[in-house]
Amino acid sequence: MKKIVMTCLLLAVGIPVGSGPAYTAVQENKTLDTAANGTAEVLKALDGMSRYLRSLDKFTIEADATYDEVLENGQKIQLSRSVHIKADMPSALWAKASSRYSNQEFFYNGKTFTISTPELGYYASFATSETVGKVIVAARDKYDIEMPLSDLFLWGSQHDTDRDVNEAFIVGVDTIQGTDCIQYAISGAEIDWQIWIPTGKTPLPLKMVITSREQTSQPQYSVVMHWNTAPTLQEDIFTFTPAEGAQKINFQTAMAAKQEKKQ
């Protein structure tokens, strides 16, 4: 049960990368010079998106995600997950990741971070007074916990790891949720990813597809996001209140058990 409590719950995904006309045209016409220019242009667009994300005081996200579960025989099974996020920056966050098989909630009120599995009746907490971004990094690095859609809180910060870019280019214009977007493709050492950003004055990422290159099966994660940048948020949503009978798990104990299993 402790292992279940500590299981990282974000990434959900699926959706194969296309090889349609836009992609083919870009590949056929690309030279070393244009590839370098394309990468610079994509990074500039990501910088603009990052600055806009960092400027938001409050927002909510409703996201639909799919992800590949790779079986022992190499077959990929696509599963679904929903993600809900409420943020009052810079120091309050609530998130929930739900699927048919698990439901996990995350709470941070500026004083305490908590991960909870309500159906199992377990939770774990640690005290901190850092910003949301730093808490996300601490949860990841110290306790192996991946927050849902954590990149959204790290882009443009010192913890942004998306600068490991080998190549990037613009695929073309696409429509997501009725909004015209520029579709960007980025290739890195371990992952390839695509991101759709609106062409207007609100460059919020509306869709992402991430492909892992660390596995030969190359599992994918895909998510479509619905944003509200002017929500009404109740302050108590960010503070965890354990249900009657809920059992608290110590992070160190759970991590020690996980490390022992790896040995």
Protein backbone atom coordinates (compact mmCIF):
# COMPACT_ATOMS: atom_id res chain seq x y z
CA MET A 1 0.00 0.00 0.00
CA LYS A 2 2.84 2.40 0.81
CA LYS A 3 4.21 1.93 -2.67
CA ILE A 4 0.85 2.90 -4.12
CA VAL A 5 0.82 6.07 -2.03
CA MET A 6 4.23 7.07 -3.37
CA THR A 7 3.53 6.16 -6.99
CA CYS A 8 3.98 9.15 -9.27
CA LEU A 9 0.78 9.89 -10.98
CA LEU A 10 1.05 12.38 -13.69
CA LEU A 11 1.94 11.44 -17.12
CA ALA A 12 -0.87 10.28 -19.24
CA VAL A 13 -0.58 9.81 -22.95
CA GLY A 14 -0.98 8.45 -26.40
CA ILE A 15 -1.50 9.90 -29.93
CA PRO A 16 1.11 8.96 -32.51
CA VAL A 17 3.27 11.66 -34.08
CA GLY A 18 2.04 12.32 -37.59
CA SER A 19 4.09 12.40 -40.77
CA GLY A 20 1.72 14.53 -42.79
CA PRO A 21 2.36 17.10 -45.51
CA ALA A 22 3.39 19.93 -43.18
CA TYR A 23 6.05 17.83 -41.48
CA THR A 24 7.30 16.37 -44.78
CA ALA A 25 7.57 19.79 -46.41
CA VAL A 26 9.59 21.13 -43.52
CA GLN A 27 11.95 18.17 -43.59
CA GLU A 28 12.48 18.31 -47.34
CA ASN A 29 13.26 22.04 -47.39
CA LYS A 30 15.36 22.23 -44.25
CA THR A 31 19.08 23.04 -44.41
CA LEU A 32 21.53 23.41 -41.53
CA ASP A 33 21.03 27.18 -41.53
CA THR A 34 17.25 27.05 -41.59
CA ALA A 35 17.27 24.36 -38.91
CA ALA A 36 19.30 26.64 -36.64
CA ASN A 37 16.97 29.56 -37.36
CA GLY A 38 13.96 27.33 -36.74
CA THR A 39 15.28 26.23 -33.37
CA ALA A 40 15.90 29.84 -32.34
CA GLU A 41 12.39 30.83 -33.42
CA VAL A 42 10.81 27.97 -31.48
CA LEU A 43 12.82 28.80 -28.35
CA LYS A 44 11.71 32.43 -28.68
CA ALA A 45 8.07 31.29 -28.82
CA LEU A 46 8.60 29.10 -25.74
CA ASP A 47 10.16 32.06 -23.91
CA GLY A 48 7.09 34.17 -24.69
CA MET A 49 4.80 31.41 -23.45
CA SER A 50 6.89 31.01 -20.28
CA ARG A 51 6.74 34.73 -19.50
CA TYR A 52 2.98 34.73 -19.95
CA LEU A 53 2.56 31.71 -17.67
CA ARG A 54 4.71 33.37 -14.99
CA SER A 55 2.54 36.50 -15.20
CA LEU A 56 -0.65 34.68 -14.18
CA ASP A 57 -1.83 35.23 -10.62
CA LYS A 58 -4.64 32.68 -10.57
CA PHE A 59 -5.78 30.00 -12.98
CA THR A 60 -7.48 26.65 -13.29
CA ILE A 61 -6.89 23.85 -15.79
CA GLU A 62 -9.15 21.02 -16.84
CA ALA A 63 -7.12 18.53 -18.86
CA ASP A 64 -7.80 15.28 -20.69
CA ALA A 65 -4.76 13.06 -21.06
CA THR A 66 -3.87 9.70 -22.58
CA TYR A 67 -0.75 7.64 -22.01
CA ASP A 68 0.86 4.41 -23.21
CA GLU A 69 1.24 1.50 -20.83
CA VAL A 70 3.91 -0.82 -22.26
CA LEU A 71 3.34 -4.51 -21.60
CA GLU A 72 6.12 -7.07 -21.11
CA ASN A 73 5.68 -8.25 -24.70
CA GLY A 74 6.23 -4.70 -25.96
CA GLN A 75 2.59 -4.04 -26.84
CA LYS A 76 1.37 -0.53 -26.00
CA ILE A 77 -2.01 -0.08 -24.30
CA GLN A 78 -3.49 3.42 -24.30
CA LEU A 79 -5.05 4.57 -21.04
CA SER A 80 -6.86 7.77 -20.09
CA ARG A 81 -6.60 10.18 -17.19
CA SER A 82 -8.14 13.53 -16.25
CA VAL A 83 -6.19 16.27 -14.50
CA HIS A 84 -7.65 19.22 -12.58
CA ILE A 85 -5.49 22.06 -11.30
CA LYS A 86 -6.24 25.18 -9.25
CA ALA A 87 -3.41 27.62 -8.63
CA ASP A 88 -3.13 30.84 -6.64
CA MET A 89 0.41 31.89 -7.36
CA PRO A 90 3.02 31.95 -6.09
CA SER A 91 2.35 29.70 -3.09
CA ALA A 92 -0.94 27.80 -3.31
CA LEU A 93 -1.82 24.80 -5.43
CA TRP A 94 -4.36 21.99 -5.61
CA ALA A 95 -4.27 19.22 -8.19
CA LYS A 96 -6.10 15.98 -8.83
CA ALA A 97 -5.25 13.19 -11.25
CA SER A 98 -8.00 10.63 -11.85
CA SER A 99 -8.35 7.46 -13.86
CA ARG A 100 -10.39 4.32 -13.65
CA TYR A 101 -7.58 2.75 -11.63
CA SER A 102 -6.43 5.52 -9.29
CA ASN A 103 -7.28 8.92 -7.83
CA GLN A 104 -4.65 11.12 -6.24
CA GLU A 105 -4.81 14.64 -4.87
CA PHE A 106 -2.10 17.19 -4.12
CA PHE A 107 -2.42 20.12 -1.73
CA TYR A 108 -0.09 23.04 -1.02
CA ASN A 109 -1.19 26.03 1.07
CA GLY A 110 2.14 27.82 1.46
CA LYS A 111 2.98 25.86 4.61
CA THR A 112 2.43 22.16 3.95
CA PHE A 113 2.55 19.92 0.89
CA THR A 114 0.37 16.79 0.95
CA ILE A 115 -0.26 13.91 -1.44
CA SER A 116 -3.39 11.86 -0.79
CA THR A 117 -4.99 8.71 -2.18
CA PRO A 118 -8.58 9.11 -0.89
CA GLU A 119 -9.87 5.71 -2.00
CA LEU A 120 -7.03 3.93 -0.20
CA GLY A 121 -7.17 6.17 2.86
CA TYR A 122 -3.48 7.15 2.90
CA TYR A 123 -1.69 10.48 2.78
CA ALA A 124 1.81 11.92 3.32
CA SER A 125 2.96 15.49 4.03
CA PHE A 126 6.04 17.62 4.44
CA ALA A 127 6.39 21.17 5.75
CA THR A 128 7.70 23.90 3.44
CA SER A 129 7.17 27.58 2.70
CA GLU A 130 8.66 27.79 -0.79
CA THR A 131 7.02 28.88 -4.03
CA VAL A 132 4.95 26.37 -5.98
CA GLY A 133 7.77 25.78 -8.47
CA LYS A 134 10.32 25.02 -5.75
CA VAL A 135 7.89 22.74 -3.93
CA ILE A 136 7.30 20.79 -7.14
CA VAL A 137 11.06 20.35 -7.56
CA ALA A 138 11.48 19.31 -3.90
CA ALA A 139 8.68 16.75 -4.18
CA ARG A 140 10.30 15.35 -7.34
CA ASP A 141 13.92 15.31 -6.21
CA LYS A 142 13.49 14.31 -2.55
CA TYR A 143 10.45 12.05 -2.70
CA ASP A 144 10.16 10.94 -6.34
CA ILE A 145 6.73 12.56 -6.70
CA GLU A 146 5.79 13.99 -10.10
CA MET A 147 3.11 16.65 -9.94
CA PRO A 148 0.53 16.66 -12.74
CA LEU A 149 1.58 18.97 -15.59
CA SER A 150 4.56 20.13 -13.54
CA ASP A 151 6.30 21.67 -16.59
CA LEU A 152 3.72 24.44 -16.60
CA PHE A 153 5.16 25.71 -13.31
CA LEU A 154 8.83 25.29 -14.24
CA TRP A 155 9.10 26.77 -17.74
CA GLY A 156 11.19 29.92 -17.69
CA SER A 157 12.64 29.19 -14.24
CA GLN A 158 16.07 27.90 -13.20
CA HIS A 159 14.51 24.42 -12.99
CA ASP A 160 13.47 24.46 -16.64
CA THR A 161 15.08 21.39 -18.24
CA ASP A 162 13.61 21.93 -21.70
CA ARG A 163 16.73 23.72 -22.92
CA ASP A 164 18.24 20.32 -23.77
CA VAL A 165 17.15 20.83 -27.37
CA ASN A 166 18.88 19.17 -30.30
CA GLU A 167 16.55 20.55 -32.92
CA ALA A 168 13.21 22.35 -33.18
CA PHE A 169 10.97 23.58 -35.96
CA ILE A 170 7.50 24.89 -36.72
CA VAL A 171 5.17 22.22 -38.06
CA GLY A 172 2.45 24.66 -39.10
CA VAL A 173 -0.94 26.06 -38.06
CA ASP A 174 -3.53 23.84 -36.38
CA THR A 175 -6.82 24.38 -34.57
CA ILE A 176 -7.26 23.25 -30.94
CA GLN A 177 -10.60 23.83 -29.18
CA GLY A 178 -11.58 26.19 -32.00
CA THR A 179 -8.44 28.31 -31.49
CA ASP A 180 -5.75 28.78 -34.14
CA CYS A 181 -2.40 27.58 -32.82
CA ILE A 182 1.16 27.22 -34.01
CA GLN A 183 2.34 23.63 -33.69
CA TYR A 184 5.99 23.32 -32.63
CA ALA A 185 8.15 20.17 -32.65
CA ILE A 186 11.19 19.84 -30.40
CA SER A 187 13.72 17.00 -30.33
CA GLY A 188 15.91 16.36 -27.29
CA ALA A 189 18.33 13.71 -26.10
CA GLU A 190 15.74 11.62 -24.24
CA ILE A 191 12.35 12.91 -25.39
CA ASP A 192 10.67 14.41 -28.41
CA TRP A 193 7.74 16.70 -27.78
CA GLN A 194 5.22 18.84 -29.55
CA ILE A 195 3.33 21.83 -28.24
CA TRP A 196 0.42 23.87 -29.62
CA ILE A 197 0.40 27.58 -28.66
CA PRO A 198 -2.31 30.09 -29.74
CA THR A 199 -1.35 32.79 -32.21
CA GLY A 200 -2.97 35.64 -30.25
CA LYS A 201 -2.01 37.60 -27.13
CA THR A 202 -2.63 34.74 -24.70
CA PRO A 203 0.05 32.13 -25.50
CA LEU A 204 -1.24 29.42 -23.19
CA PRO A 205 -0.24 25.90 -24.25
CA LEU A 206 -3.41 24.08 -25.33
CA LYS A 207 -1.96 20.71 -26.27
CA MET A 208 1.24 18.72 -25.69
CA VAL A 209 2.51 15.39 -26.97
CA ILE A 210 5.61 13.85 -25.41
CA THR A 211 7.41 10.81 -26.82
CA SER A 212 9.98 8.97 -24.69
CA ARG A 213 13.06 7.89 -26.62
CA GLU A 214 14.56 6.05 -23.65
CA GLN A 215 12.47 2.97 -24.43
CA THR A 216 12.52 1.14 -27.75
CA SER A 217 8.69 1.12 -27.73
CA GLN A 218 8.69 4.95 -27.51
CA PRO A 219 5.58 5.39 -25.32
CA GLN A 220 3.72 8.66 -25.70
CA TYR A 221 1.86 11.11 -23.49
CA SER A 222 -0.75 13.49 -24.87
CA VAL A 223 -2.78 16.14 -23.07
CA VAL A 224 -5.32 18.78 -24.12
CA MET A 225 -5.81 21.64 -21.66
CA HIS A 226 -8.76 23.95 -20.99
CA TRP A 227 -7.73 27.14 -19.14
CA ASN A 228 -9.52 29.68 -16.97
CA THR A 229 -7.27 32.63 -16.10
CA ALA A 230 -9.83 34.54 -14.04
CA PRO A 231 -11.31 31.96 -11.65
CA THR A 232 -12.88 32.41 -8.24
CA LEU A 233 -10.92 30.23 -5.82
CA GLN A 234 -11.84 29.24 -2.27
CA GLU A 235 -8.79 29.43 -0.02
CA ASP A 236 -9.61 26.24 1.87
CA ILE A 237 -9.24 24.12 -1.31
CA PHE A 238 -5.44 24.28 -0.86
CA THR A 239 -5.39 22.86 2.67
CA PHE A 240 -5.66 19.11 3.16
CA THR A 241 -8.07 17.82 5.78
CA PRO A 242 -7.79 14.06 6.35
CA ALA A 243 -10.97 12.03 6.28
CA GLU A 244 -11.92 10.05 9.34
CA GLY A 245 -9.76 6.95 9.52
CA ALA A 246 -7.18 8.18 6.99
CA GLN A 247 -3.67 6.95 7.77
CA LYS A 248 -0.60 9.16 7.51
CA ILE A 249 2.46 7.63 5.84
CA ASN A 250 5.94 8.94 6.57
CA PHE A 251 7.74 10.00 3.37
CA GLN A 252 11.11 8.70 4.54
CA THR A 253 9.67 5.31 5.45
CA ALA A 254 7.92 4.98 2.12
CA MET A 255 11.02 6.02 0.18
CA ALA A 256 13.22 3.60 2.15
CA ALA A 257 10.86 0.77 1.24
CA LYS A 258 11.01 1.80 -2.41
CA GLN A 259 14.82 1.90 -2.40
CA GLU A 260 14.98 -1.50 -0.71
CA LYS A 261 12.80 -2.98 -3.43
CA LYS A 262 15.16 -1.65 -6.14
CA GLN A 263 18.17 -3.37 -4.57
